[in-house]
């Protein structure tokens, strides 16, 4: 049996997930937490700073954050400039 995948050779997407825990806002990047931040906007800004500092130009990145109702939504998708 031959299995062909369209993801072979393509780097996985790095997810930056903004979430509230306790009284603070945090950014989760591949199981590592960064924070706390005072507001959701601060945490989203921190996610973009993390992408700027640690992002891989070969690997796509996405920032996810809850909307006003608490539903998680895609805020940004892109790549770091090489």
Protein backbone atom coordinates (compact mmCIF):
# COMPACT_ATOMS: atom_id res chain seq x y z
CA UNK A 1 0.00 0.00 0.00
CA UNK A 2 1.35 3.40 -0.95
CA UNK A 3 0.32 6.42 1.08
CA UNK A 4 0.87 9.88 -0.34
CA UNK A 5 0.63 12.91 1.90
CA UNK A 6 0.47 16.51 0.76
CA UNK A 7 2.31 17.56 3.91
CA UNK A 8 5.48 15.59 3.23
CA UNK A 9 8.39 18.00 3.08
CA UNK A 10 6.30 20.93 4.32
CA UNK A 11 7.14 22.33 7.74
CA UNK A 12 4.41 22.27 10.37
CA UNK A 13 2.73 25.48 11.45
CA UNK A 14 3.86 26.98 14.75
CA UNK A 15 0.83 27.98 16.83
CA UNK A 16 0.80 30.89 19.26
CA UNK A 17 -2.32 30.57 21.41
CA UNK A 18 -3.47 33.42 23.64
CA UNK A 19 -5.41 32.31 26.72
CA UNK A 20 -6.48 33.54 30.12
CA UNK A 21 -5.37 31.61 33.18
CA UNK A 22 -6.19 32.97 36.61
CA UNK A 23 -5.94 36.73 36.49
CA UNK A 24 -3.37 36.89 33.68
CA UNK A 25 -3.17 36.39 29.95
CA UNK A 26 -0.60 34.01 28.53
CA UNK A 27 0.82 32.92 25.19
CA UNK A 28 1.35 29.21 24.62
CA UNK A 29 3.94 28.34 21.99
CA UNK A 30 4.35 24.61 21.46
CA UNK A 31 3.73 23.77 25.11
CA UNK A 32 5.79 26.61 26.56
CA UNK A 33 3.94 29.40 28.34
CA UNK A 34 4.98 33.05 28.12
CA UNK A 35 3.44 35.63 30.44
CA UNK A 36 1.58 36.70 32.34
CA UNK A 37 0.35 39.73 30.45
CA UNK A 38 -2.12 42.23 31.87
CA UNK A 39 -4.62 42.18 28.98
CA UNK A 40 -5.55 40.09 25.99
CA UNK A 41 -4.17 42.82 23.70
CA UNK A 42 -0.86 42.71 25.58
CA UNK A 43 -0.72 38.93 25.14
CA UNK A 44 -1.47 39.19 21.42
CA UNK A 45 1.32 41.75 21.14
CA UNK A 46 3.62 39.37 23.02
CA UNK A 47 2.73 36.61 20.55
CA UNK A 48 3.84 38.81 17.65
CA UNK A 49 7.04 39.71 19.50
CA UNK A 50 7.74 35.99 20.04
CA UNK A 51 7.23 35.38 16.32
CA UNK A 52 9.61 38.23 15.57
CA UNK A 53 12.26 36.88 17.96
CA UNK A 54 11.94 33.11 17.54
CA UNK A 55 10.03 32.59 14.30
CA UNK A 56 11.51 30.42 11.58
CA UNK A 57 11.30 31.92 8.05
CA UNK A 58 10.82 28.39 6.69
CA UNK A 59 7.88 27.65 8.96
CA UNK A 60 4.43 29.29 8.89
CA UNK A 61 3.03 30.76 12.11
CA UNK A 62 -0.50 31.41 13.38
CA UNK A 63 -1.80 33.49 16.28
CA UNK A 64 -5.07 32.31 17.87
CA UNK A 65 -6.99 34.30 20.48
CA UNK A 66 -10.48 34.26 22.02
CA UNK A 67 -13.07 36.70 20.73
CA UNK A 68 -15.43 38.64 23.03
CA UNK A 69 -17.64 35.55 23.45
CA UNK A 70 -14.63 33.37 24.36
CA UNK A 71 -14.53 31.47 21.06
CA UNK A 72 -10.97 30.98 19.84
CA UNK A 73 -10.31 32.53 16.45
CA UNK A 74 -7.45 32.98 14.02
CA UNK A 75 -5.97 36.46 14.43
CA UNK A 76 -3.02 36.20 12.03
CA UNK A 77 -1.32 33.73 9.72
CA UNK A 78 1.99 34.31 7.97
CA UNK A 79 5.72 33.84 7.90
CA UNK A 80 8.66 35.64 9.38
CA UNK A 81 10.58 37.75 6.90
CA UNK A 82 13.94 36.11 6.21
